[in-house]
């Protein structure tokens, strides 16, 4: 499994944002409603008296008090998580109470408080699992704290002369069984990441805190333990007028924007963009999650080193863009004197991060054709999976064809125009802070457009709709590409864990924005020159392994959880048949 797939798998496995109510107010209201239903069913069906009006306010009051008390035991004093835990725990208690009523009706047996008591134990057992995995409470402390809310509610719900049901052999046997299952499950799932991951629960807690609370500190601390120093290269193509004004840059860092917001370099494209005075396109290099910057400090170190870039070559000419299509594979290329700039795409079919071996092969092909350097960008403009062997070979062949044609192309004086969406005040959750940028190249009395979006990939087919719209309006959009920013993951409640471009904003609206920016770039066309800048920065990178191991650990935990759920269901069904 690739690094990208590992992180997506982590999100899918432990995306509590897909399960939890969207607001803690919902959990608060729902837990009060469920507690009220439990009270009504207990008094009406099990106890068979009508003093609920006297007991219900007390039950609700202790529910609210213990919900707040629970939050004091959590690692970061998170009230919302205690409410979510209360909601789901009370829901399990309700299911147990209702199960007892249904079992009694089916088997024509008299109801017993046994199921109210066992439901309390199931509630407590559930709390052990949640406390140890997501709330950061130790197993020992959880075994004590787990009883606070369920037992307090039970004592107020059930008359004192009926408390003896808790001491029945049958109740204690099944209650201890559920508690034992919870303890064993918690112990085993915490160890699924060994030996690399000392505590799967702590890593899970750090992950959840980063994505739900926008706090990367714990996650970055864990990642830094396995990070390693590396020399990271960054290439820039600096366009400017002959008087060195109207500076615009295409930046190609050998970094990956990840792993996820707000951890590490997840927002590195926008941060580079701002460093370049909001006049830049930050391309997605041939990279994967092993090249993530692990912390905000490393991001700042990298940006400081980036300012020390040196000019390796200069020029004042370029060729017209060249496109080669081999089956799904498409490569667009431009030659700037002896430098080739290539864009790789499978759109509308899509692909994940291009493997580094592909870059190595294409660079060697270019070197054999006497290109001084080759800059290769992964367009990341359609959703897809890992590259197949066939698609990889097609991309290499298409790149070879483009390089062969570029050799023969005539150089023309460089004329360019750049514009972006900064003045348009675009606000949409599938587009990050860098917005949309457009480069217009005027070559041999023709105009060609390159479009960049600070986004995490694109919905399949959106690129084609934008290309068609611009073509119908007299603008030849040669290629559209994204930064692969991972800053659009904040607060996302879907299976991907992020919003790809076009998943929120309609393609028609995106096309309209792109056309407006293209018109402005066209107006800004001027004669100019270019410089190729190079930089090597010594920073820490995440490396491979930690998310692969976490993904595997979570898969193992899920399988283990499924087994334990089957066991708990079996124990509950056994209680029905044995008791009745």
Protein backbone atom coordinates (compact mmCIF):
# COMPACT_ATOMS: atom_id res chain seq x y z
CA UNK A 1 0.00 0.00 0.00
CA UNK A 2 1.31 3.49 -0.90
CA UNK A 3 1.80 6.25 1.67
CA UNK A 4 -1.22 8.13 0.30
CA UNK A 5 -3.38 5.05 0.61
CA UNK A 6 -2.07 4.47 4.13
CA UNK A 7 -3.19 7.92 5.25
CA UNK A 8 -6.55 7.57 3.51
CA UNK A 9 -6.96 4.22 5.23
CA UNK A 10 -6.19 5.79 8.61
CA UNK A 11 -8.80 8.42 7.98
CA UNK A 12 -11.42 5.86 6.97
CA UNK A 13 -10.67 3.54 9.88
CA UNK A 14 -10.76 6.15 12.60
CA UNK A 15 -12.75 8.98 11.13
CA UNK A 16 -14.99 9.58 14.12
CA UNK A 17 -16.13 12.74 12.38
CA UNK A 18 -18.25 10.44 10.21
CA UNK A 19 -19.82 8.79 13.27
CA UNK A 20 -20.01 11.45 15.92
CA UNK A 21 -22.76 14.05 15.73
CA UNK A 22 -21.59 17.21 14.01
CA UNK A 23 -22.12 19.27 17.18
CA UNK A 24 -21.74 18.50 20.88
CA UNK A 25 -25.16 20.14 21.34
CA UNK A 26 -26.61 17.24 19.37
CA UNK A 27 -24.86 14.72 21.63
CA UNK A 28 -26.02 16.62 24.73
CA UNK A 29 -29.64 16.73 23.58
CA UNK A 30 -29.61 13.13 22.37
CA UNK A 31 -28.07 11.80 25.60
CA UNK A 32 -30.74 13.60 27.66
CA UNK A 33 -33.47 12.19 25.41
CA UNK A 34 -32.07 8.65 25.62
CA UNK A 35 -31.65 8.84 29.40
CA UNK A 36 -35.29 9.95 29.61
CA UNK A 37 -36.41 6.99 27.47
CA UNK A 38 -34.36 4.59 29.62
CA UNK A 39 -36.03 6.06 32.70
CA UNK A 40 -39.50 5.74 31.19
CA UNK A 41 -38.99 2.14 30.04
CA UNK A 42 -37.45 1.15 33.38
CA UNK A 43 -40.31 2.59 35.41
CA UNK A 44 -43.07 1.49 33.05
CA UNK A 45 -41.82 -2.00 32.17
CA UNK A 46 -39.32 -3.15 34.76
CA UNK A 47 -40.19 -1.40 38.02
CA UNK A 48 -43.84 -0.84 37.14
CA UNK A 49 -44.51 2.23 39.19
CA UNK A 50 -45.14 5.79 38.12
CA UNK A 51 -42.72 7.84 40.17
CA UNK A 52 -40.80 8.79 37.05
CA UNK A 53 -41.69 12.46 37.46
CA UNK A 54 -39.75 12.45 40.72
CA UNK A 55 -36.78 10.44 39.49
CA UNK A 56 -36.33 11.73 35.93
CA UNK A 57 -35.08 15.24 36.86
CA UNK A 58 -32.52 13.67 39.20
CA UNK A 59 -31.35 11.23 36.50
CA UNK A 60 -30.94 14.06 33.99
CA UNK A 61 -29.16 16.22 36.56
CA UNK A 62 -26.63 13.52 37.43
CA UNK A 63 -26.17 12.82 33.71
CA UNK A 64 -25.21 16.43 33.08
CA UNK A 65 -22.98 16.59 36.16
CA UNK A 66 -21.08 13.41 35.30
CA UNK A 67 -20.67 14.48 31.67
CA UNK A 68 -18.77 17.51 32.90
CA UNK A 69 -16.89 15.41 35.46
CA UNK A 70 -15.81 13.00 32.72
CA UNK A 71 -14.24 15.87 30.79
CA UNK A 72 -11.99 16.63 33.78
CA UNK A 73 -10.46 13.17 33.52
CA UNK A 74 -9.62 13.47 29.81
CA UNK A 75 -6.09 14.31 28.74
CA UNK A 76 -7.03 17.70 27.29
CA UNK A 77 -10.23 18.38 29.29
CA UNK A 78 -12.40 18.00 26.18
CA UNK A 79 -16.07 18.40 27.09
CA UNK A 80 -17.33 17.57 23.59
CA UNK A 81 -15.73 14.11 23.66
CA UNK A 82 -17.26 13.33 27.03
CA UNK A 83 -20.67 14.23 25.56
CA UNK A 84 -20.15 11.98 22.54
CA UNK A 85 -19.08 9.15 24.85
CA UNK A 86 -22.16 9.69 27.00
CA UNK A 87 -24.46 9.70 23.96
CA UNK A 88 -23.17 6.39 22.54
CA UNK A 89 -22.89 4.77 25.97
CA UNK A 90 -26.47 5.62 26.89
CA UNK A 91 -27.57 4.38 23.47
CA UNK A 92 -26.01 0.97 24.26
CA UNK A 93 -27.79 0.96 27.61
CA UNK A 94 -31.08 1.70 25.86
CA UNK A 95 -30.50 -1.13 23.38
CA UNK A 96 -29.94 -3.52 26.30
CA UNK A 97 -33.11 -2.37 28.07
CA UNK A 98 -35.14 -2.69 24.87
CA UNK A 99 -33.53 -6.08 24.16
CA UNK A 100 -34.72 -7.33 27.52
CA UNK A 101 -38.27 -6.15 26.80
CA UNK A 102 -38.28 -7.80 23.37
CA UNK A 103 -36.78 -11.02 24.78
CA UNK A 104 -39.43 -11.11 27.48
CA UNK A 105 -42.22 -10.64 24.96
CA UNK A 106 -40.91 -13.30 22.57
CA UNK A 107 -40.30 -15.88 25.28
CA UNK A 108 -43.39 -14.90 27.32
CA UNK A 109 -41.36 -14.43 30.49
CA UNK A 110 -41.55 -11.91 33.30
CA UNK A 111 -39.25 -8.91 32.99
CA UNK A 112 -36.36 -8.54 35.41
CA UNK A 113 -34.13 -5.64 36.41
CA UNK A 114 -31.29 -7.91 35.35
CA UNK A 115 -31.18 -6.18 31.96
CA UNK A 116 -31.16 -2.70 33.39
CA UNK A 117 -28.20 -3.72 35.56
CA UNK A 118 -26.38 -5.54 32.74
CA UNK A 119 -26.99 -2.53 30.50
CA UNK A 120 -25.24 -0.43 33.10
CA UNK A 121 -22.23 -2.77 32.96
CA UNK A 122 -22.23 -2.69 29.14
CA UNK A 123 -22.31 1.12 29.35
CA UNK A 124 -19.30 1.01 31.72
CA UNK A 125 -17.43 -1.44 29.48
CA UNK A 126 -17.94 0.81 26.46
CA UNK A 127 -16.53 3.71 28.44
CA UNK A 128 -13.33 1.77 29.13
CA UNK A 129 -12.80 1.35 25.39
CA UNK A 130 -13.44 5.01 24.56
CA UNK A 131 -11.44 6.36 27.50
CA UNK A 132 -8.33 4.37 26.70
CA UNK A 133 -8.41 4.81 22.91
CA UNK A 134 -9.55 8.40 22.29
CA UNK A 135 -9.57 10.27 25.62
CA UNK A 136 -6.04 9.50 26.77
CA UNK A 137 -7.00 7.95 30.12
CA UNK A 138 -4.88 5.07 31.37
CA UNK A 139 -6.39 1.60 31.52
CA UNK A 140 -6.17 1.46 35.33
CA UNK A 141 -7.88 4.82 35.79
CA UNK A 142 -10.49 3.95 33.15
CA UNK A 143 -11.49 0.82 35.09
CA UNK A 144 -12.45 3.09 37.99
CA UNK A 145 -13.82 6.14 36.16
CA UNK A 146 -15.92 3.99 33.81
CA UNK A 147 -18.52 3.45 36.56
CA UNK A 148 -19.00 7.12 37.50
CA UNK A 149 -21.82 8.04 35.13
CA UNK A 150 -23.54 4.65 34.65
CA UNK A 151 -23.60 3.79 38.36
CA UNK A 152 -24.72 7.28 39.42
CA UNK A 153 -27.61 7.13 36.93
CA UNK A 154 -28.51 3.60 38.06
CA UNK A 155 -28.70 4.57 41.73
CA UNK A 156 -31.07 7.45 40.96
CA UNK A 157 -33.07 5.45 38.45
CA UNK A 158 -33.65 2.33 40.52
CA UNK A 159 -35.27 2.44 44.00
CA UNK A 160 -32.85 1.66 46.83
CA UNK A 161 -34.68 -1.53 47.82
CA UNK A 162 -33.94 -2.96 44.35
CA UNK A 163 -30.21 -2.24 44.28
CA UNK A 164 -29.56 -5.83 45.27
CA UNK A 165 -29.89 -6.80 41.59
CA UNK A 166 -26.31 -5.58 41.21
CA UNK A 167 -25.11 -8.28 43.60
CA UNK A 168 -26.90 -11.17 41.93
CA UNK A 169 -24.58 -13.92 40.76
CA UNK A 170 -26.02 -13.74 37.23
CA UNK A 171 -25.64 -9.94 37.00
CA UNK A 172 -22.10 -10.01 38.35
CA UNK A 173 -21.10 -12.87 36.04
CA UNK A 174 -22.29 -11.19 32.86
CA UNK A 175 -21.21 -7.73 34.04
CA UNK A 176 -17.67 -8.92 34.79
CA UNK A 177 -17.60 -10.74 31.44
CA UNK A 178 -18.34 -7.51 29.54
CA UNK A 179 -15.82 -5.57 31.61
CA UNK A 180 -13.16 -8.23 31.03
CA UNK A 181 -13.78 -8.12 27.27
CA UNK A 182 -13.33 -4.32 27.31
CA UNK A 183 -10.09 -4.50 29.31
CA UNK A 184 -8.57 -7.24 27.15
CA UNK A 185 -9.65 -5.45 23.94
CA UNK A 186 -8.11 -2.19 25.12
CA UNK A 187 -4.84 -3.87 26.10
CA UNK A 188 -4.47 -5.78 22.84
CA UNK A 189 -5.44 -2.96 20.45
CA UNK A 190 -2.92 -0.65 22.09
CA UNK A 191 -0.15 -3.12 21.20
CA UNK A 192 -1.02 -3.76 17.54
CA UNK A 193 1.60 -1.25 16.35
CA UNK A 194 4.56 -2.83 18.15
CA UNK A 195 7.50 -2.63 17.86
CA UNK A 196 7.70 0.64 15.89
CA UNK A 197 4.59 2.18 17.44
CA UNK A 198 4.82 1.89 21.20
CA UNK A 199 1.21 2.90 21.80
CA UNK A 200 -1.39 2.75 19.03
CA UNK A 201 -3.84 4.57 21.29
CA UNK A 202 -1.51 7.54 21.84
CA UNK A 203 -0.92 7.87 18.12
CA UNK A 204 -4.66 7.68 17.49
CA UNK A 205 -5.28 10.36 20.12
CA UNK A 206 -2.67 12.59 18.51
CA UNK A 207 -4.24 12.07 15.09
CA UNK A 208 -7.75 12.87 16.34
CA UNK A 209 -6.55 15.94 18.20
CA UNK A 210 -4.81 17.27 15.10
CA UNK A 211 -7.81 16.82 12.78
CA UNK A 212 -10.57 17.74 15.26
CA UNK A 213 -8.87 20.42 17.37
CA UNK A 214 -6.43 21.85 14.82
CA UNK A 215 -3.59 21.05 17.21
CA UNK A 216 -0.59 19.36 15.54
CA UNK A 217 1.73 19.34 18.56
CA UNK A 218 1.24 15.75 19.77
CA UNK A 219 1.21 14.31 16.25
CA UNK A 220 4.34 16.19 15.22
CA UNK A 221 6.16 15.05 18.37
CA UNK A 222 5.46 11.42 17.51
CA UNK A 223 6.43 11.82 13.84
CA UNK A 224 9.68 13.55 14.78
CA UNK A 225 10.79 10.44 16.68
CA UNK A 226 11.22 8.57 13.38
CA UNK A 227 12.07 11.51 11.09
CA UNK A 228 15.50 11.85 9.54
CA UNK A 229 17.58 14.71 8.08
CA UNK A 230 17.76 15.00 4.31
CA UNK A 231 18.90 17.41 1.59
CA UNK A 232 15.84 18.68 -0.27
CA UNK A 233 16.25 20.24 -3.70
CA UNK A 234 13.97 22.97 -4.99
CA UNK A 235 13.92 24.37 -8.52
CA UNK A 236 12.32 27.65 -9.54
CA UNK A 237 11.59 29.21 -12.90
CA UNK A 238 11.58 32.94 -12.33
CA UNK A 239 9.87 35.02 -15.00
CA UNK A 240 10.45 38.76 -14.97
CA UNK A 241 10.47 41.77 -17.24
CA UNK A 242 13.75 43.10 -18.55
CA UNK A 243 13.77 45.68 -15.75
CA UNK A 244 13.34 42.86 -13.16
CA UNK A 245 9.76 43.84 -12.34
CA UNK A 246 6.57 41.73 -12.53
CA UNK A 247 8.33 38.84 -10.86
CA UNK A 248 6.49 35.50 -11.19
CA UNK A 249 7.76 32.02 -10.28
CA UNK A 250 6.97 28.40 -10.95
CA UNK A 251 8.30 26.48 -7.94
CA UNK A 252 9.02 22.77 -7.95
CA UNK A 253 10.08 21.57 -4.48
CA UNK A 254 11.14 17.95 -3.98
CA UNK A 255 8.73 17.85 -1.07
CA UNK A 256 5.29 16.42 -0.57
CA UNK A 257 2.54 18.59 0.96
CA UNK A 258 1.51 16.38 3.85
CA UNK A 259 0.72 14.38 5.78
CA UNK A 260 -2.58 16.10 6.67
CA UNK A 261 -3.78 19.43 8.02
CA UNK A 262 -2.47 20.97 10.23
CA UNK A 263 0.51 18.65 10.73
CA UNK A 264 3.94 19.40 9.28
CA UNK A 265 4.10 20.64 5.69
CA UNK A 266 0.44 20.03 4.84
CA UNK A 267 0.08 23.68 3.78
CA UNK A 268 3.56 24.11 2.30
CA UNK A 269 2.30 25.18 -1.19
CA UNK A 270 0.49 28.19 0.24
CA UNK A 271 3.40 29.05 2.51
CA UNK A 272 5.78 29.02 -0.46
CA UNK A 273 3.21 31.01 -2.43
CA UNK A 274 3.13 33.72 0.25
CA UNK A 275 6.93 33.72 0.47
CA UNK A 276 6.94 34.49 -3.26
CA UNK A 277 4.72 37.57 -2.72
CA UNK A 278 1.59 35.70 -3.86
CA UNK A 279 2.96 35.54 -7.40
CA UNK A 280 3.79 31.89 -7.89
CA UNK A 281 2.59 28.46 -8.92
CA UNK A 282 3.80 25.76 -6.54
CA UNK A 283 3.88 22.56 -8.58
CA UNK A 284 3.51 19.03 -7.25
CA UNK A 285 6.86 17.31 -7.74
CA UNK A 286 7.38 13.59 -8.21
CA UNK A 287 7.14 12.84 -4.50
CA UNK A 288 5.21 10.90 -1.91
CA UNK A 289 4.46 11.09 1.81
CA UNK A 290 7.96 10.00 2.77
CA UNK A 291 9.02 13.53 1.71
CA UNK A 292 6.63 15.29 4.10
CA UNK A 293 8.08 17.90 6.43
CA UNK A 294 7.27 16.54 9.92
CA UNK A 295 6.73 19.79 11.85
CA UNK A 296 5.98 23.50 11.57
CA UNK A 297 9.54 24.21 12.67
CA UNK A 298 10.90 22.27 9.70
CA UNK A 299 8.61 24.24 7.40
CA UNK A 300 10.07 27.50 8.69
CA UNK A 301 13.61 26.12 8.36
CA UNK A 302 12.91 25.15 4.76
CA UNK A 303 11.44 28.54 3.86
CA UNK A 304 14.48 30.31 5.29
CA UNK A 305 16.79 28.12 3.22
CA UNK A 306 14.66 28.73 0.12
CA UNK A 307 15.60 32.40 0.16
CA UNK A 308 19.22 31.37 -0.44
CA UNK A 309 18.53 29.95 -3.92
CA UNK A 310 21.11 30.64 -6.60
CA UNK A 311 20.72 31.24 -10.32
CA UNK A 312 21.98 28.30 -12.41
CA UNK A 313 21.03 29.57 -15.88
CA UNK A 314 19.29 32.46 -17.64
CA UNK A 315 17.46 32.91 -20.89
CA UNK A 316 15.04 34.99 -22.92
CA UNK A 317 13.40 32.41 -25.17
CA UNK A 318 10.99 29.49 -25.07
CA UNK A 319 9.14 27.15 -27.41
CA UNK A 320 5.43 26.67 -27.86
CA UNK A 321 3.93 23.92 -25.69
CA UNK A 322 3.98 20.36 -27.02
CA UNK A 323 1.46 17.65 -26.08
CA UNK A 324 1.73 13.89 -26.54
CA UNK A 325 -1.09 11.44 -25.77
CA UNK A 326 -0.48 7.69 -25.40
CA UNK A 327 -3.68 5.88 -24.39
CA UNK A 328 -4.62 7.44 -21.02
CA UNK A 329 -1.24 9.11 -20.56
CA UNK A 330 -0.74 12.75 -21.52
CA UNK A 331 2.46 14.78 -21.25
CA UNK A 332 2.73 18.50 -21.93
CA UNK A 333 6.19 20.01 -22.40
CA UNK A 334 7.81 23.42 -22.84
CA UNK A 335 11.48 24.10 -23.57
CA UNK A 336 13.18 27.10 -22.00
CA UNK A 337 16.52 27.14 -23.85
CA UNK A 338 18.11 23.90 -22.57
CA UNK A 339 15.59 23.20 -19.81
CA UNK A 340 12.55 21.00 -20.35
CA UNK A 341 9.43 21.49 -18.23
CA UNK A 342 7.08 18.49 -18.34
CA UNK A 343 3.57 17.97 -16.92
CA UNK A 344 2.31 14.39 -16.44
CA UNK A 345 -1.37 13.52 -16.37
CA UNK A 346 -3.90 10.71 -16.84
CA UNK A 347 -6.93 12.99 -16.63
CA UNK A 348 -9.81 12.28 -16.71
CA UNK A 349 -8.79 8.84 -15.45
CA UNK A 350 -6.57 10.04 -12.62
CA UNK A 351 -3.68 8.67 -10.60
CA UNK A 352 -2.03 8.84 -7.21
CA UNK A 353 1.48 10.16 -6.54
CA UNK A 354 3.82 9.31 -9.41
CA UNK A 355 6.65 6.99 -8.25
CA UNK A 356 10.18 8.41 -8.19
CA UNK A 357 11.46 5.71 -10.56
CA UNK A 358 9.38 7.29 -13.32
CA UNK A 359 11.12 10.61 -12.77
CA UNK A 360 14.52 8.93 -12.92
CA UNK A 361 13.75 7.26 -16.24
CA UNK A 362 12.39 10.43 -17.86
CA UNK A 363 15.37 12.47 -16.65
CA UNK A 364 17.73 9.94 -18.21
CA UNK A 365 15.84 10.13 -21.52
CA UNK A 366 16.15 13.92 -21.44
CA UNK A 367 19.83 13.72 -20.58
CA UNK A 368 20.41 11.47 -23.56
CA UNK A 369 18.91 14.25 -25.71
CA UNK A 370 21.28 16.85 -24.26
CA UNK A 371 18.79 18.70 -22.13
CA UNK A 372 20.65 20.57 -19.41
CA UNK A 373 17.90 19.88 -16.86
CA UNK A 374 14.40 18.46 -16.78
CA UNK A 375 11.71 19.69 -14.41
CA UNK A 376 8.84 17.20 -14.05
CA UNK A 377 5.49 18.01 -12.44
CA UNK A 378 2.74 15.62 -11.41
CA UNK A 379 -0.38 17.54 -12.46
CA UNK A 380 -2.56 15.82 -9.86
CA UNK A 381 -5.68 16.83 -11.77
CA UNK A 382 -7.92 13.76 -11.47
CA UNK A 383 -8.70 11.28 -8.70
CA UNK A 384 -7.25 7.82 -9.14
CA UNK A 385 -5.28 4.96 -7.65
CA UNK A 386 -1.70 3.78 -7.94
CA UNK A 387 -0.19 3.86 -11.41
CA UNK A 388 -0.40 0.59 -13.29
CA UNK A 389 2.63 -0.74 -15.11
CA UNK A 390 0.92 -0.01 -18.42
CA UNK A 391 0.10 3.60 -17.51
CA UNK A 392 3.65 4.14 -16.22
CA UNK A 393 5.12 2.94 -19.48
CA UNK A 394 2.68 5.10 -21.46
CA UNK A 395 3.75 8.18 -19.48
CA UNK A 396 7.40 7.42 -20.20
CA UNK A 397 6.67 6.95 -23.89
CA UNK A 398 4.65 10.15 -24.05
CA UNK A 399 7.42 12.06 -22.25
CA UNK A 400 9.98 10.66 -24.73
CA UNK A 401 7.83 11.81 -27.65
CA UNK A 402 7.48 15.29 -26.18
CA UNK A 403 11.23 15.60 -25.57
CA UNK A 404 11.94 14.46 -29.14
CA UNK A 405 9.61 17.12 -30.52
CA UNK A 406 10.90 19.86 -28.20
CA UNK A 407 14.40 19.40 -29.58
CA UNK A 408 13.14 20.39 -33.01
CA UNK A 409 11.01 23.32 -31.90
CA UNK A 410 12.00 26.89 -32.63
CA UNK A 411 12.78 29.22 -29.76
CA UNK A 412 10.85 32.47 -29.63
CA UNK A 413 11.37 35.56 -27.50
CA UNK A 414 9.73 35.05 -24.11
CA UNK A 415 6.42 36.85 -23.68
CA UNK A 416 4.31 36.06 -20.66
CA UNK A 417 1.43 37.30 -18.57
CA UNK A 418 0.38 36.15 -15.12
CA UNK A 419 -2.75 36.70 -13.04
CA UNK A 420 -4.36 35.03 -10.06
CA UNK A 421 -7.60 35.02 -8.12
CA UNK A 422 -6.30 37.07 -5.22
CA UNK A 423 -8.44 40.09 -6.09
CA UNK A 424 -11.56 37.95 -6.65
CA UNK A 425 -11.99 37.02 -2.97
CA UNK A 426 -12.86 33.40 -3.76
CA UNK A 427 -14.01 31.47 -0.68
CA UNK A 428 -14.63 27.76 -1.11
CA UNK A 429 -13.62 24.73 0.94
CA UNK A 430 -12.15 22.77 -2.00
CA UNK A 431 -9.64 25.53 -2.75
CA UNK A 432 -6.82 26.56 -0.42
CA UNK A 433 -5.29 29.97 0.25
CA UNK A 434 -3.28 30.18 -2.98
CA UNK A 435 -6.49 30.20 -5.04
CA UNK A 436 -6.15 29.94 -8.83
CA UNK A 437 -3.29 31.20 -10.98
CA UNK A 438 -2.96 31.50 -14.74
CA UNK A 439 0.16 31.83 -16.89
CA UNK A 440 -0.25 33.00 -20.46
CA UNK A 441 2.62 32.38 -22.91
CA UNK A 442 2.57 34.33 -26.19
CA UNK A 443 4.55 32.31 -28.70
CA UNK A 444 4.67 32.96 -32.44
CA UNK A 445 1.50 35.08 -32.37
CA UNK A 446 -0.38 32.36 -30.47
CA UNK A 447 -1.41 32.32 -26.83
CA UNK A 448 -1.23 29.31 -24.56
CA UNK A 449 -2.50 29.07 -20.98
CA UNK A 450 -1.32 27.05 -18.00
CA UNK A 451 -3.69 26.99 -15.01
CA UNK A 452 -2.77 26.18 -11.41
CA UNK A 453 -5.04 25.66 -8.42
CA UNK A 454 -4.00 25.40 -4.78
CA UNK A 455 -6.10 22.28 -4.24
CA UNK A 456 -5.83 18.62 -3.30
CA UNK A 457 -6.38 16.97 -6.66
CA UNK A 458 -9.51 17.39 -8.81
CA UNK A 459 -12.76 15.60 -9.44
CA UNK A 460 -12.50 13.44 -12.52
CA UNK A 461 -13.58 15.28 -15.64
CA UNK A 462 -13.47 18.78 -14.11
CA UNK A 463 -10.26 19.62 -15.97
CA UNK A 464 -11.88 18.70 -19.27
CA UNK A 465 -14.90 20.90 -18.60
CA UNK A 466 -12.66 23.88 -17.81
CA UNK A 467 -10.54 23.26 -20.92
CA UNK A 468 -13.67 23.10 -23.08
CA UNK A 469 -15.13 26.28 -21.59
CA UNK A 470 -11.93 28.25 -22.22
CA UNK A 471 -11.60 26.83 -25.74
CA UNK A 472 -15.16 27.90 -26.55
CA UNK A 473 -14.14 31.40 -25.48
CA UNK A 474 -10.97 31.56 -27.55
CA UNK A 475 -8.43 30.51 -24.92
CA UNK A 476 -6.25 27.42 -25.39
CA UNK A 477 -5.75 25.91 -21.95
CA UNK A 478 -2.83 23.55 -22.46
CA UNK A 479 -2.89 22.04 -18.96
CA UNK A 480 -4.40 22.49 -15.54
CA UNK A 481 -2.70 21.23 -12.41
CA UNK A 482 -2.98 21.42 -8.63
CA UNK A 483 -0.56 21.85 -5.74
CA UNK A 484 -1.85 18.73 -3.91
CA UNK A 485 -2.14 20.83 -0.77
CA UNK A 486 -3.32 18.91 2.28
CA UNK A 487 -4.72 21.98 4.00
CA UNK A 488 -8.24 21.28 2.64
CA UNK A 489 -8.64 18.40 5.12
CA UNK A 490 -9.75 20.63 8.01
CA UNK A 491 -13.20 19.69 9.29
CA UNK A 492 -13.96 17.41 6.35
CA UNK A 493 -16.62 14.77 6.98
CA UNK A 494 -16.25 12.43 4.01
CA UNK A 495 -14.46 9.16 3.30
CA UNK A 496 -11.51 10.78 1.50
CA UNK A 497 -10.78 13.12 4.37
CA UNK A 498 -10.41 16.11 2.07
CA UNK A 499 -12.24 18.10 -0.59
CA UNK A 500 -10.81 17.67 -4.07
CA UNK A 501 -11.36 20.59 -6.46
CA UNK A 502 -14.80 20.32 -7.98
CA UNK A 503 -16.31 18.33 -5.13
CA UNK A 504 -17.76 21.48 -3.55
CA UNK A 505 -17.53 24.14 -6.26
CA UNK A 506 -19.46 23.36 -9.43
CA UNK A 507 -17.27 22.90 -12.52
CA UNK A 508 -19.19 25.62 -14.35
CA UNK A 509 -18.28 28.12 -11.66
CA UNK A 510 -14.64 27.04 -11.67
CA UNK A 511 -14.56 27.40 -15.45
CA UNK A 512 -15.97 30.91 -15.19
CA UNK A 513 -13.33 31.89 -12.63
CA UNK A 514 -10.55 30.41 -14.78
CA UNK A 515 -11.74 32.29 -17.85
CA UNK A 516 -11.78 35.61 -15.98
CA UNK A 517 -8.25 35.01 -14.70
CA UNK A 518 -7.09 33.96 -18.18
CA UNK A 519 -8.42 37.21 -19.61
CA UNK A 520 -6.48 39.16 -17.01
CA UNK A 521 -3.28 37.16 -17.65
CA UNK A 522 -3.69 37.90 -21.35
CA UNK A 523 -3.90 41.63 -20.61
CA UNK A 524 -0.68 41.38 -18.57
CA UNK A 525 1.43 39.94 -21.41
CA UNK A 526 4.85 41.55 -21.61
CA UNK A 527 8.29 40.70 -22.96
CA UNK A 528 10.59 39.20 -20.41
CA UNK A 529 13.28 36.78 -19.40
CA UNK A 530 13.64 33.77 -17.18
CA UNK A 531 16.07 32.41 -14.62
CA UNK A 532 16.38 28.87 -13.31
CA UNK A 533 17.09 28.97 -9.58
CA UNK A 534 18.30 25.98 -7.57
CA UNK A 535 18.39 25.35 -3.85
CA UNK A 536 19.36 22.55 -1.51
CA UNK A 537 18.02 22.71 2.04
CA UNK A 538 18.99 20.38 4.87
CA UNK A 539 15.78 19.66 6.75
CA UNK A 540 14.08 16.74 8.43
CA UNK A 541 11.63 14.65 6.43
CA UNK A 542 9.04 12.22 7.71
CA UNK A 543 10.38 9.20 5.89
CA UNK A 544 8.37 6.07 5.24
CA UNK A 545 7.11 3.63 7.81
CA UNK A 546 5.13 5.36 10.53
CA UNK A 547 1.86 5.67 8.62
CA UNK A 548 2.32 2.30 7.00
CA UNK A 549 2.65 0.75 10.45
CA UNK A 550 -0.22 2.81 11.84
CA UNK A 551 -2.45 1.82 8.95
CA UNK A 552 -1.59 -1.83 9.48
CA UNK A 553 -2.10 -1.45 13.23
CA UNK A 554 -5.54 0.06 12.70
CA UNK A 555 -6.49 -2.72 10.30
CA UNK A 556 -5.43 -5.26 12.90
CA UNK A 557 -7.35 -3.33 15.57
CA UNK A 558 -10.45 -3.29 13.39
CA UNK A 559 -10.31 -7.05 12.84
CA UNK A 560 -9.81 -7.52 16.57
CA UNK A 561 -12.73 -5.18 17.31
CA UNK A 562 -15.02 -7.09 14.97
CA UNK A 563 -14.15 -10.31 16.78
CA UNK A 564 -14.80 -8.79 20.19
CA UNK A 565 -18.11 -7.29 19.01
CA UNK A 566 -19.24 -10.73 17.88
CA UNK A 567 -18.18 -12.07 21.28
CA UNK A 568 -20.13 -9.35 23.15
CA UNK A 569 -23.21 -9.95 21.02
CA UNK A 570 -22.94 -13.66 21.77
CA UNK A 571 -22.65 -13.00 25.50
CA UNK A 572 -25.73 -10.76 25.41
CA UNK A 573 -27.81 -13.30 23.47
CA UNK A 574 -26.66 -15.99 25.90
CA UNK A 575 -27.89 -13.84 28.80
CA UNK A 576 -31.35 -13.63 27.24
CA UNK A 577 -31.73 -17.38 26.78
CA UNK A 578 -30.14 -18.33 30.10
CA UNK A 579 -32.10 -15.78 32.12
CA UNK A 580 -35.44 -16.43 30.54
